[in-house]
């Protein structure tokens, strides 16, 4: 995970990275974890919701959103 560039807020960094990661599940999961570590809970949820749109059975994203898959569904 990258650190913040000098002079940027965590939210600004998030916005830039989210735009670049739109359809990249791995990048979105990493960004969600980074956002969580930066106390950006709503931004982290935004990442995980996008991951679930792209891959509804993605376990990490589902768990991060508080969902549990039962028998793969």
Protein backbone atom coordinates (compact mmCIF):
# COMPACT_ATOMS: atom_id res chain seq x y z
CA UNK A 1 0.00 0.00 0.00
CA UNK A 2 1.15 3.48 -0.80
CA UNK A 3 1.55 6.24 1.72
CA UNK A 4 0.16 9.74 1.31
CA UNK A 5 1.92 12.15 -0.97
CA UNK A 6 3.12 15.26 0.81
CA UNK A 7 0.36 17.87 1.20
CA UNK A 8 -2.54 15.59 0.20
CA UNK A 9 -5.36 14.71 2.52
CA UNK A 10 -6.30 11.06 2.90
CA UNK A 11 -9.64 11.80 1.23
CA UNK A 12 -7.94 13.42 -1.79
CA UNK A 13 -5.63 10.43 -2.10
CA UNK A 14 -8.61 8.10 -1.88
CA UNK A 15 -10.50 9.96 -4.62
CA UNK A 16 -7.56 9.75 -7.01
CA UNK A 17 -6.91 6.08 -6.33
CA UNK A 18 -10.60 5.16 -6.59
CA UNK A 19 -10.85 6.73 -10.04
CA UNK A 20 -7.88 4.68 -11.24
CA UNK A 21 -9.15 1.43 -9.71
CA UNK A 22 -12.73 1.41 -11.03
CA UNK A 23 -12.79 -2.15 -12.42
CA UNK A 24 -9.71 -3.61 -10.72
CA UNK A 25 -10.95 -5.88 -7.93
CA UNK A 26 -7.50 -6.32 -6.35
CA UNK A 27 -6.81 -2.57 -6.34
CA UNK A 28 -10.25 -1.85 -4.88
CA UNK A 29 -9.79 -4.35 -2.05
CA UNK A 30 -6.37 -2.89 -1.26
CA UNK A 31 -7.82 0.61 -1.37
CA UNK A 32 -10.66 -0.44 0.94
CA UNK A 33 -8.15 -1.79 3.45
CA UNK A 34 -6.09 1.40 3.17
CA UNK A 35 -9.18 3.57 3.63
CA UNK A 36 -10.09 1.58 6.75
CA UNK A 37 -6.60 2.15 8.16
CA UNK A 38 -6.99 5.88 7.46
CA UNK A 39 -10.33 5.98 9.33
CA UNK A 40 -12.27 6.56 6.08
CA UNK A 41 -15.07 4.09 6.77
CA UNK A 42 -17.55 5.34 4.16
CA UNK A 43 -14.86 5.36 1.49
CA UNK A 44 -13.85 1.80 2.43
CA UNK A 45 -17.49 0.69 2.08
CA UNK A 46 -17.60 2.37 -1.33
CA UNK A 47 -14.66 0.21 -2.45
CA UNK A 48 -16.14 -2.99 -1.12
CA UNK A 49 -19.56 -2.27 -2.65
CA UNK A 50 -17.86 -1.77 -6.03
CA UNK A 51 -16.00 -5.06 -5.61
CA UNK A 52 -19.30 -6.85 -4.91
CA UNK A 53 -20.79 -5.30 -8.05
CA UNK A 54 -17.89 -6.71 -10.05
CA UNK A 55 -17.67 -10.04 -8.19
CA UNK A 56 -20.75 -10.81 -6.05
CA UNK A 57 -19.06 -13.80 -4.37
CA UNK A 58 -15.89 -11.96 -3.32
CA UNK A 59 -15.56 -13.14 0.28
CA UNK A 60 -13.27 -10.38 1.58
CA UNK A 61 -15.54 -7.63 0.27
CA UNK A 62 -18.69 -9.37 1.49
CA UNK A 63 -17.20 -9.81 4.98
CA UNK A 64 -16.00 -6.19 5.05
CA UNK A 65 -19.59 -5.14 4.35
CA UNK A 66 -20.85 -7.38 7.15
CA UNK A 67 -22.29 -10.04 4.86
CA UNK A 68 -21.72 -13.75 5.17
CA UNK A 69 -21.95 -16.08 2.22
CA UNK A 70 -23.85 -19.27 2.97
CA UNK A 71 -23.02 -22.23 0.76
CA UNK A 72 -21.38 -19.86 -1.74
CA UNK A 73 -24.44 -17.64 -2.11
